Amino acid sequence: EPFRTERKESELSLLQLIRAYVEETPGVDREDVLAELNYRIVRTLTVLFLPLLAIPMGLTSRRQPTSVRIVVGIAILIVYYQALQFGKDMAENSRVSPFMALWVPFLVFSMGSTYLFYVANSRLNRDPFAVVFGTIDDSWRWIKGRWFMLFRRGRTA
């Protein structure tokens, strides 16, 4: 006699998940299956972009200790995986579509990793994180300047 008859979506294999989604298996929520399926695909594809993040992390300058980069890399991965887990939970509860909940964080992670790799590869004499943080700082100054101009115009009118 089996211990339990129902299986959670997380216990199903990839083929069983696809079958459960296509055939609408009774006792299995379709939203949960779709969220689990997308979560597994995103996690699998994430592995392809980890080296693109690891290479810029491994490049060190003489002034910056490597431990800082390791901590930053671990923090990026923890935040990313927590965002995926949160997105999966939101998709299972039908609050957000699996695309928005899982694929948008994946796209941000993959494009960010690819950009860091590009910067590390094309600007060999510069620290990739200094370039990224410089870009963020320049963007923030531009947004702040536009914001203040918008409010200044509103006061004079």
Protein backbone atom coordinates (compact mmCIF):
# COMPACT_ATOMS: atom_id res chain seq x y z
CA GLU A 1 0.00 0.00 0.00
CA PRO A 2 1.49 3.38 -0.96
CA PHE A 3 2.19 5.88 1.76
CA ARG A 4 0.12 8.49 -0.04
CA THR A 5 -1.68 8.56 -3.33
CA GLU A 6 -1.29 12.24 -4.20
CA ARG A 7 2.06 13.61 -5.27
CA LYS A 8 3.12 17.21 -5.14
CA GLU A 9 4.13 18.93 -8.35
CA SER A 10 7.68 19.26 -7.05
CA GLU A 11 7.92 15.46 -6.86
CA LEU A 12 6.96 14.87 -10.49
CA SER A 13 9.53 14.41 -13.22
CA LEU A 14 9.67 16.89 -16.08
CA LEU A 15 7.78 14.54 -18.41
CA GLN A 16 5.16 13.88 -15.75
CA LEU A 17 4.74 17.64 -15.28
CA ILE A 18 4.22 18.16 -18.99
CA ARG A 19 1.75 15.28 -19.10
CA ALA A 20 -0.11 16.65 -16.05
CA TYR A 21 -0.38 20.06 -17.71
CA VAL A 22 -1.51 18.77 -21.11
CA GLU A 23 -3.94 16.12 -19.87
CA GLU A 24 -5.32 18.08 -16.91
CA THR A 25 -4.78 15.38 -14.32
CA PRO A 26 -7.51 15.35 -11.64
CA GLY A 27 -6.32 16.35 -8.19
CA VAL A 28 -3.47 18.42 -9.64
CA ASP A 29 -3.89 22.17 -9.92
CA ARG A 30 -3.00 23.39 -13.41
CA GLU A 31 -1.54 26.68 -12.11
CA ASP A 32 0.76 24.80 -9.73
CA VAL A 33 1.92 22.53 -12.55
CA LEU A 34 2.57 25.49 -14.86
CA ALA A 35 4.49 27.35 -12.15
CA GLU A 36 6.60 24.29 -11.30
CA LEU A 37 7.30 23.60 -14.99
CA ASN A 38 8.44 27.17 -15.66
CA TYR A 39 10.45 27.21 -12.43
CA ARG A 40 12.38 24.12 -13.45
CA ILE A 41 13.07 25.41 -16.95
CA VAL A 42 14.27 28.78 -15.61
CA ARG A 43 16.53 27.12 -13.03
CA THR A 44 18.00 24.87 -15.70
CA LEU A 45 18.68 27.75 -18.07
CA THR A 46 20.24 29.78 -15.25
CA VAL A 47 23.15 27.35 -15.18
CA LEU A 48 24.15 28.52 -18.67
CA PHE A 49 24.64 32.10 -17.42
CA LEU A 50 26.49 31.34 -14.17
CA PRO A 51 29.92 31.29 -15.89
CA LEU A 52 29.16 34.68 -17.43
CA LEU A 53 28.69 36.01 -13.91
CA ALA A 54 31.60 34.08 -12.41
CA ILE A 55 34.25 35.35 -14.83
CA PRO A 56 33.78 39.06 -13.98
CA MET A 57 33.62 38.07 -10.30
CA GLY A 58 36.97 36.33 -10.64
CA LEU A 59 38.72 39.36 -12.11
CA THR A 60 40.33 41.27 -9.29
CA SER A 61 42.07 44.56 -9.09
CA ARG A 62 45.04 45.18 -6.84
CA ARG A 63 43.07 47.47 -4.59
CA GLN A 64 40.02 45.31 -4.01
CA PRO A 65 40.16 42.08 -2.03
CA THR A 66 38.66 38.98 -3.63
CA SER A 67 36.50 38.25 -0.58
CA VAL A 68 34.31 41.26 -1.41
CA ARG A 69 33.60 39.85 -4.86
CA ILE A 70 32.76 36.44 -3.43
CA VAL A 71 30.31 38.00 -0.98
CA VAL A 72 28.73 40.07 -3.77
CA GLY A 73 28.43 36.99 -5.99
CA ILE A 74 26.80 34.95 -3.24
CA ALA A 75 24.45 37.83 -2.44
CA ILE A 76 23.44 38.13 -6.11
CA LEU A 77 22.67 34.41 -6.30
CA ILE A 78 20.73 34.38 -3.02
CA VAL A 79 18.61 37.36 -4.07
CA TYR A 80 18.03 35.82 -7.51
CA TYR A 81 16.96 32.43 -6.17
CA GLN A 82 14.73 34.05 -3.55
CA ALA A 83 13.10 36.12 -6.30
CA LEU A 84 12.51 32.92 -8.29
CA GLN A 85 11.01 31.17 -5.27
CA PHE A 86 8.77 34.17 -4.54
CA GLY A 87 7.74 34.31 -8.19
CA LYS A 88 6.92 30.61 -8.18
CA ASP A 89 4.74 31.04 -5.10
CA MET A 90 2.97 34.01 -6.70
CA ALA A 91 2.37 32.05 -9.91
CA GLU A 92 1.04 29.03 -7.98
CA ASN A 93 -1.47 31.29 -6.23
CA SER A 94 -2.52 32.80 -9.59
CA ARG A 95 -1.52 36.28 -8.52
CA VAL A 96 0.98 36.80 -11.34
CA SER A 97 1.55 34.98 -14.61
CA PRO A 98 4.51 32.57 -14.67
CA PHE A 99 6.10 34.75 -17.35
CA MET A 100 6.19 37.82 -15.15
CA ALA A 101 6.99 35.93 -11.97
CA LEU A 102 9.78 33.68 -13.27
CA TRP A 103 10.95 34.71 -16.72
CA VAL A 104 11.41 38.43 -16.02
CA PRO A 105 13.87 37.78 -13.15
CA PHE A 106 15.62 35.25 -15.38
CA LEU A 107 15.89 37.78 -18.21
CA VAL A 108 17.28 40.41 -15.82
CA PHE A 109 19.81 37.90 -14.43
CA SER A 110 20.87 36.61 -17.85
CA MET A 111 21.17 40.06 -19.42
CA GLY A 112 23.05 41.37 -16.37
CA SER A 113 25.46 38.42 -16.43
CA THR A 114 25.98 38.82 -20.17
CA TYR A 115 26.60 42.55 -19.79
CA LEU A 116 29.12 41.99 -16.99
CA PHE A 117 30.91 39.44 -19.15
CA TYR A 118 30.91 41.85 -22.11
CA VAL A 119 32.36 44.64 -19.97
CA ALA A 120 35.00 42.32 -18.53
CA ASN A 121 35.94 41.10 -22.00
CA SER A 122 35.89 44.41 -23.89
CA ARG A 123 37.36 46.73 -21.25
CA LEU A 124 40.22 44.71 -19.89
CA ASN A 125 41.82 47.62 -18.05
CA ARG A 126 38.63 48.49 -16.10
CA ASP A 127 36.80 46.78 -13.30
CA PRO A 128 33.44 45.44 -14.62
CA PHE A 129 31.63 46.36 -11.42
CA ALA A 130 33.01 49.89 -11.47
CA VAL A 131 31.64 50.28 -15.01
CA VAL A 132 28.22 48.88 -13.99
CA PHE A 133 27.97 50.99 -10.84
CA GLY A 134 29.14 54.03 -12.82
CA THR A 135 26.35 53.44 -15.34
CA ILE A 136 23.82 53.07 -12.53
CA ASP A 137 25.09 56.26 -10.90
CA ASP A 138 24.89 58.19 -14.20
CA SER A 139 21.35 56.89 -14.79
CA TRP A 140 20.31 57.86 -11.28
CA ARG A 141 21.67 61.38 -11.75
CA TRP A 142 19.80 61.69 -15.05
CA ILE A 143 16.52 60.50 -13.48
CA LYS A 144 16.98 62.80 -10.49
CA GLY A 145 17.69 65.75 -12.78
CA ARG A 146 14.58 65.06 -14.85
CA TRP A 147 12.51 64.61 -11.71
CA PHE A 148 13.61 67.97 -10.28
CA MET A 149 13.03 69.68 -13.63
CA LEU A 150 9.51 68.26 -13.73
CA PHE A 151 8.67 69.64 -10.29
CA ARG A 152 10.38 72.96 -10.98
CA ARG A 153 8.20 73.40 -14.08
CA GLY A 154 5.10 72.57 -12.08
CA ARG A 155 5.86 75.29 -9.51
CA THR A 156 6.47 78.04 -12.07
CA ALA A 157 3.28 77.35 -14.01
